[in-house]
């Protein structure tokens, strides 16, 4: 009888072990599903672990995780911009992770100092101009776009987008609040039209001659690169003579409510690996966080650039200052 009990108990343990291995991971993400699904399919092929996505806007997803609490299915929260990741950490959504793999693969300035979230791709935000109207020799820095020579020639995306808030935060850190406010006021004075709701709209306006120069994330330009309609768009790496071009991230962290923390960590570790980084860069036209990773032809054609090495965690913590400055400078 005792032997039978042992055999039954062993069978239950084996069954539970198999269920744990086959139990899917769930990612709540503000990223477009088609951008990360190829990676997750590759992960499933390698490990047998299914990964499910629940996509939506970052603020709503964060609120959902908090409302669901221990009942949430979210193992990982994945989003874009250090500002949003910082907010999630402040709300208590993430579990601190101490991973030698992640600490090795991801540079220190691209991850949370307490291991709550990790950058998985870099997003450079720099100057793009129309070759019909502008010479590359006319361009230097973000600050220079406040020069009156760009009057009625500048287009910008709205300051309510977190990408521009983080850019402003990086400028505050570098040149101070008051000087940054003067620069942003100069941008506003130089606008050719009202601000736009997306980087793609801004690029199309520059290409069509509505304005001559703008500031965008490079992957938006890369997505238009093969369309001859936009052949007049050119990239300029900003601030190469001082702090470097502004860089932000997309990233992820393990939720404190996850029922599969060890597997969630393994997935984020894999996303930081060289194989996944190459796939990430190719599919999304973003820059890998690891050095030495192969990038696509368009990114390669733009060459290497000096990047601003400010800690992206600091960009997040300075969001309120950036919002206030934009309001004071009348940057809508």
Protein backbone atom coordinates (compact mmCIF):
# COMPACT_ATOMS: atom_id res chain seq x y z
CA UNK A 1 0.00 0.00 0.00
CA UNK A 2 2.85 2.36 0.89
CA UNK A 3 4.48 1.65 -2.49
CA UNK A 4 1.24 2.54 -4.29
CA UNK A 5 1.04 5.87 -2.40
CA UNK A 6 4.64 6.71 -3.39
CA UNK A 7 3.97 5.86 -7.02
CA UNK A 8 0.81 7.99 -7.05
CA UNK A 9 2.65 10.91 -5.43
CA UNK A 10 5.46 10.62 -8.00
CA UNK A 11 2.92 10.66 -10.82
CA UNK A 12 1.32 13.83 -9.43
CA UNK A 13 4.72 15.55 -9.14
CA UNK A 14 5.65 14.62 -12.71
CA UNK A 15 2.28 15.90 -13.89
CA UNK A 16 2.76 19.21 -12.04
CA UNK A 17 6.27 19.54 -13.46
CA UNK A 18 4.97 19.08 -17.00
CA UNK A 19 2.16 21.57 -16.39
CA UNK A 20 4.68 24.16 -15.17
CA UNK A 21 6.83 23.69 -18.25
CA UNK A 22 3.86 23.98 -20.59
CA UNK A 23 2.20 26.82 -18.69
CA UNK A 24 2.26 29.81 -21.05
CA UNK A 25 3.88 33.10 -20.18
CA UNK A 26 1.78 36.24 -20.60
CA UNK A 27 3.17 39.61 -21.64
CA UNK A 28 1.17 42.80 -21.25
CA UNK A 29 2.64 45.09 -23.89
CA UNK A 30 2.12 48.48 -25.48
CA UNK A 31 4.28 47.38 -28.40
CA UNK A 32 2.53 46.48 -31.63
CA UNK A 33 2.12 42.67 -31.57
CA UNK A 34 3.50 42.16 -35.08
CA UNK A 35 6.82 43.66 -33.96
CA UNK A 36 7.50 41.05 -31.29
CA UNK A 37 5.48 37.99 -32.38
CA UNK A 38 8.30 36.66 -34.63
CA UNK A 39 10.65 36.66 -31.63
CA UNK A 40 8.15 34.88 -29.42
CA UNK A 41 7.52 32.23 -32.05
CA UNK A 42 11.27 31.66 -32.26
CA UNK A 43 11.42 31.35 -28.47
CA UNK A 44 8.62 28.79 -28.49
CA UNK A 45 10.46 26.72 -31.11
CA UNK A 46 13.61 26.74 -28.98
CA UNK A 47 12.04 26.11 -25.58
CA UNK A 48 8.51 24.80 -26.06
CA UNK A 49 7.22 27.69 -23.92
CA UNK A 50 4.18 29.44 -25.35
CA UNK A 51 4.06 33.21 -24.86
CA UNK A 52 0.76 35.05 -25.03
CA UNK A 53 0.35 38.78 -25.66
CA UNK A 54 -2.19 41.21 -24.31
CA UNK A 55 -1.63 44.50 -26.08
CA UNK A 56 -2.93 47.98 -25.39
CA UNK A 57 -1.86 51.46 -24.33
CA UNK A 58 0.73 51.57 -21.56
CA UNK A 59 -1.27 53.62 -18.99
CA UNK A 60 -4.28 51.31 -19.28
CA UNK A 61 -2.11 48.19 -19.05
CA UNK A 62 -0.35 49.47 -15.93
CA UNK A 63 -3.69 50.28 -14.33
CA UNK A 64 -5.02 46.86 -15.26
CA UNK A 65 -2.07 45.10 -13.61
CA UNK A 66 -2.58 47.11 -10.44
CA UNK A 67 -6.33 46.46 -10.36
CA UNK A 68 -5.88 42.74 -11.04
CA UNK A 69 -3.19 42.46 -8.39
CA UNK A 70 -2.42 38.85 -7.47
CA UNK A 71 -5.08 37.70 -9.94
CA UNK A 72 -3.25 39.11 -12.95
CA UNK A 73 -1.95 36.83 -15.67
CA UNK A 74 0.81 39.32 -16.52
CA UNK A 75 4.25 37.79 -16.08
CA UNK A 76 6.05 40.55 -17.98
CA UNK A 77 5.22 44.18 -18.71
CA UNK A 78 6.85 45.36 -21.95
CA UNK A 79 6.67 48.90 -23.25
CA UNK A 80 8.59 51.74 -24.88
CA UNK A 81 10.49 54.68 -23.41
CA UNK A 82 12.32 54.85 -20.12
CA UNK A 83 9.73 57.31 -18.87
CA UNK A 84 6.98 54.70 -19.00
CA UNK A 85 9.19 51.99 -17.50
CA UNK A 86 10.13 54.36 -14.68
CA UNK A 87 6.45 55.08 -14.02
CA UNK A 88 5.70 51.36 -13.87
CA UNK A 89 8.51 50.87 -11.36
CA UNK A 90 7.23 53.77 -9.26
CA UNK A 91 3.75 52.21 -9.21
CA UNK A 92 5.22 48.99 -7.80
CA UNK A 93 4.50 46.83 -10.82
CA UNK A 94 7.94 45.24 -11.21
CA UNK A 95 9.89 42.65 -9.26
CA UNK A 96 13.61 43.35 -8.81
CA UNK A 97 15.70 40.85 -10.76
CA UNK A 98 19.36 40.05 -10.19
CA UNK A 99 20.54 38.31 -13.35
CA UNK A 100 24.18 37.95 -14.34
CA UNK A 101 23.05 37.39 -17.94
CA UNK A 102 21.08 40.65 -18.09
CA UNK A 103 23.74 42.60 -16.22
CA UNK A 104 26.33 41.39 -18.74
CA UNK A 105 24.29 41.78 -21.92
CA UNK A 106 22.66 45.14 -21.22
CA UNK A 107 24.80 48.25 -20.56
CA UNK A 108 24.31 49.80 -17.15
CA UNK A 109 22.84 53.06 -18.47
CA UNK A 110 20.13 51.12 -20.34
CA UNK A 111 18.63 49.30 -17.34
CA UNK A 112 17.13 50.11 -13.97
CA UNK A 113 19.77 50.28 -11.22
CA UNK A 114 17.60 48.03 -9.03
CA UNK A 115 16.97 45.46 -11.76
CA UNK A 116 13.28 46.29 -12.12
CA UNK A 117 13.39 46.71 -15.92
CA UNK A 118 15.84 46.21 -18.77
CA UNK A 119 16.32 47.88 -22.14
CA UNK A 120 15.93 45.45 -25.04
CA UNK A 121 16.38 47.80 -27.98
CA UNK A 122 17.71 51.32 -28.47
CA UNK A 123 15.74 54.08 -30.16
CA UNK A 124 17.77 57.02 -31.41
CA UNK A 125 15.86 60.31 -31.73
CA UNK A 126 17.63 62.68 -34.06
CA UNK A 127 17.31 65.25 -36.83
CA UNK A 128 15.84 64.46 -40.26
CA UNK A 129 15.76 66.99 -43.09
CA UNK A 130 14.74 67.41 -46.72
CA UNK A 131 17.64 67.37 -49.14
CA UNK A 132 15.54 69.61 -51.41
CA UNK A 133 15.74 72.47 -48.93
CA UNK A 134 18.62 71.85 -46.52
CA UNK A 135 22.33 71.08 -46.74
CA UNK A 136 23.76 68.67 -44.18
CA UNK A 137 26.38 71.34 -43.40
CA UNK A 138 23.61 73.57 -42.04
CA UNK A 139 22.85 71.16 -39.19
CA UNK A 140 24.60 70.53 -35.89
CA UNK A 141 22.48 70.04 -32.77
CA UNK A 142 19.00 69.97 -31.28
CA UNK A 143 19.77 73.36 -29.74
CA UNK A 144 20.65 74.86 -33.13
CA UNK A 145 17.07 74.27 -34.35
CA UNK A 146 16.08 77.25 -32.17
CA UNK A 147 18.17 79.51 -34.43
CA UNK A 148 16.04 82.05 -36.38
CA UNK A 149 17.48 80.63 -39.62
CA UNK A 150 14.93 77.81 -39.18
CA UNK A 151 11.96 80.18 -38.88
CA UNK A 152 8.88 78.57 -40.50
CA UNK A 153 11.02 75.57 -41.45
CA UNK A 154 10.66 73.32 -38.41
CA UNK A 155 8.03 70.63 -37.81
CA UNK A 156 7.66 68.74 -34.52
CA UNK A 157 5.63 66.00 -32.95
CA UNK A 158 3.56 67.00 -29.93
CA UNK A 159 5.33 67.39 -26.58
CA UNK A 160 2.67 65.18 -24.97
CA UNK A 161 4.40 62.15 -26.50
CA UNK A 162 6.80 60.59 -24.02
CA UNK A 163 9.58 60.45 -26.67
CA UNK A 164 9.81 64.25 -26.71
CA UNK A 165 9.51 64.49 -22.94
CA UNK A 166 12.54 62.24 -22.59
CA UNK A 167 14.48 64.31 -25.15
CA UNK A 168 13.69 67.47 -23.19
CA UNK A 169 14.72 65.70 -19.97
CA UNK A 170 18.10 64.84 -21.50
CA UNK A 171 18.60 68.47 -22.47
CA UNK A 172 17.70 69.69 -18.98
CA UNK A 173 20.30 67.31 -17.59
CA UNK A 174 22.94 68.54 -20.02
CA UNK A 175 22.42 72.30 -20.31
CA UNK A 176 20.08 73.16 -17.44
CA UNK A 177 16.40 74.03 -17.10
CA UNK A 178 16.42 77.70 -18.10
CA UNK A 179 18.64 77.25 -21.17
CA UNK A 180 16.55 74.28 -22.31
CA UNK A 181 13.40 76.39 -21.94
CA UNK A 182 14.93 79.08 -24.16
CA UNK A 183 15.76 76.43 -26.77
CA UNK A 184 12.28 74.91 -26.72
CA UNK A 185 10.72 78.38 -27.01
CA UNK A 186 12.93 78.87 -30.05
CA UNK A 187 11.61 75.63 -31.54
CA UNK A 188 8.05 76.82 -31.03
CA UNK A 189 8.83 80.17 -32.67
CA UNK A 190 10.30 78.34 -35.68
CA UNK A 191 7.35 76.00 -36.29
CA UNK A 192 6.02 75.99 -39.83
CA UNK A 193 2.68 74.55 -38.71
CA UNK A 194 0.88 73.07 -35.70
CA UNK A 195 2.53 70.10 -34.00
CA UNK A 196 1.78 66.61 -35.33
CA UNK A 197 0.47 63.54 -33.52
CA UNK A 198 3.03 61.09 -34.97
CA UNK A 199 6.60 60.92 -36.26
CA UNK A 200 5.38 59.46 -39.55
CA UNK A 201 3.13 62.46 -40.17
CA UNK A 202 6.04 64.80 -39.47
CA UNK A 203 8.30 62.95 -41.91
CA UNK A 204 5.68 63.12 -44.63
CA UNK A 205 5.32 66.86 -44.04
CA UNK A 206 9.07 67.36 -44.41
CA UNK A 207 9.18 65.26 -47.57
CA UNK A 208 6.26 67.20 -49.08
CA UNK A 209 7.93 70.56 -48.40
CA UNK A 210 5.55 71.70 -45.67
CA UNK A 211 8.66 72.17 -43.55
CA UNK A 212 12.37 71.43 -43.99
CA UNK A 213 13.58 69.78 -40.81
CA UNK A 214 12.31 67.78 -37.83
CA UNK A 215 13.26 65.49 -34.91
CA UNK A 216 12.10 61.85 -35.00
CA UNK A 217 12.96 58.32 -33.91
CA UNK A 218 15.11 56.76 -36.61
CA UNK A 219 13.02 53.61 -37.09
CA UNK A 220 10.17 55.72 -38.48
CA UNK A 221 12.52 56.95 -41.18
CA UNK A 222 13.81 53.42 -41.78
CA UNK A 223 10.25 52.21 -42.43
CA UNK A 224 9.88 54.80 -45.21
CA UNK A 225 13.35 54.29 -46.67
CA UNK A 226 12.32 51.88 -49.44
CA UNK A 227 9.50 54.11 -50.70
CA UNK A 228 10.79 56.42 -53.48
CA UNK A 229 8.21 59.00 -52.45
CA UNK A 230 10.43 59.85 -49.50
CA UNK A 231 13.79 59.70 -51.24
CA UNK A 232 14.52 63.32 -50.29
CA UNK A 233 14.59 62.55 -46.55
CA UNK A 234 18.03 62.51 -44.96
CA UNK A 235 19.29 61.75 -41.45
CA UNK A 236 21.66 63.91 -39.40
CA UNK A 237 23.16 62.63 -36.16
CA UNK A 238 22.61 65.43 -33.64
CA UNK A 239 25.15 66.76 -31.13
CA UNK A 240 28.12 64.74 -32.33
CA UNK A 241 30.45 67.49 -31.13
CA UNK A 242 29.30 67.30 -27.51
CA UNK A 243 27.08 64.87 -25.55
CA UNK A 244 25.85 62.81 -28.50
CA UNK A 245 22.49 61.86 -29.99
CA UNK A 246 19.59 61.21 -27.63
CA UNK A 247 18.91 57.48 -27.13
CA UNK A 248 15.93 55.87 -25.44
CA UNK A 249 14.80 52.25 -25.16
CA UNK A 250 12.05 49.74 -25.42
CA UNK A 251 12.22 47.37 -22.48
CA UNK A 252 10.56 44.99 -20.09
CA UNK A 253 10.44 43.77 -16.52
CA UNK A 254 9.00 40.88 -14.53
CA UNK A 255 5.79 41.77 -12.70
CA UNK A 256 5.76 41.29 -8.95
CA UNK A 257 2.52 39.31 -9.34
CA UNK A 258 3.93 36.81 -11.86
CA UNK A 259 3.27 33.13 -11.13
CA UNK A 260 6.14 32.18 -13.48
CA UNK A 261 8.97 34.47 -12.39
CA UNK A 262 11.82 32.11 -13.25
CA UNK A 263 10.49 31.48 -16.75
CA UNK A 264 9.78 35.19 -17.23
CA UNK A 265 13.40 36.00 -16.33
CA UNK A 266 14.62 33.36 -18.80
CA UNK A 267 12.57 34.94 -21.59
CA UNK A 268 13.93 38.44 -20.93
CA UNK A 269 17.45 36.98 -20.74
CA UNK A 270 16.90 35.34 -24.12
CA UNK A 271 15.60 38.63 -25.58
CA UNK A 272 18.93 40.17 -24.56
CA UNK A 273 20.94 37.41 -26.30
CA UNK A 274 22.84 38.01 -29.53
CA UNK A 275 20.48 35.87 -31.65
CA UNK A 276 17.36 37.61 -30.38
CA UNK A 277 18.99 41.03 -30.58
CA UNK A 278 19.74 40.54 -34.26
CA UNK A 279 16.15 39.46 -34.93
CA UNK A 280 14.85 42.38 -32.83
CA UNK A 281 16.92 44.90 -34.77
CA UNK A 282 15.99 43.45 -38.13
CA UNK A 283 12.27 43.22 -37.52
CA UNK A 284 11.80 46.55 -35.75
CA UNK A 285 14.55 48.61 -37.40
CA UNK A 286 15.75 49.66 -33.96
CA UNK A 287 19.28 49.46 -32.61
CA UNK A 288 20.36 46.48 -30.48
CA UNK A 289 21.47 47.14 -26.92
CA UNK A 290 24.46 44.81 -27.37
CA UNK A 291 27.57 45.89 -29.26
CA UNK A 292 28.65 43.96 -32.34
CA UNK A 293 25.17 42.90 -33.44
CA UNK A 294 24.43 42.91 -37.16
CA UNK A 295 21.92 45.57 -38.26
CA UNK A 296 19.94 45.96 -41.48
CA UNK A 297 21.13 47.74 -44.61
CA UNK A 298 19.35 51.02 -43.88
CA UNK A 299 20.74 51.37 -40.37
CA UNK A 300 24.17 50.32 -41.60
CA UNK A 301 24.07 53.02 -44.29
CA UNK A 302 23.64 55.69 -41.61
CA UNK A 303 26.95 54.73 -40.04
CA UNK A 304 28.00 54.75 -36.41
CA UNK A 305 27.17 57.66 -34.13
CA UNK A 306 28.08 59.02 -30.74
CA UNK A 307 25.18 58.49 -28.33
CA UNK A 308 24.25 60.38 -25.19
CA UNK A 309 25.11 58.03 -22.31
CA UNK A 310 22.79 59.56 -19.75
CA UNK A 311 21.13 56.85 -17.65
CA UNK A 312 17.71 56.21 -19.14
CA UNK A 313 16.40 55.74 -15.59
CA UNK A 314 17.23 59.42 -15.06
CA UNK A 315 15.20 60.32 -18.15
CA UNK A 316 12.23 58.67 -16.47
CA UNK A 317 12.68 60.42 -13.16
CA UNK A 318 12.85 63.83 -14.89
CA UNK A 319 9.57 63.49 -16.81
CA UNK A 320 7.66 65.94 -14.58
CA UNK A 321 10.30 68.62 -15.13
CA UNK A 322 10.11 68.05 -18.87
CA UNK A 323 6.31 68.35 -18.89
CA UNK A 324 6.44 71.59 -16.89
CA UNK A 325 9.10 73.05 -19.18
CA UNK A 326 7.09 72.25 -22.32
CA UNK A 327 4.08 74.00 -20.81
CA UNK A 328 6.13 77.05 -19.87
CA UNK A 329 7.58 77.18 -23.40
CA UNK A 330 4.09 76.84 -25.00
CA UNK A 331 5.15 73.64 -26.72
CA UNK A 332 1.85 71.85 -27.22
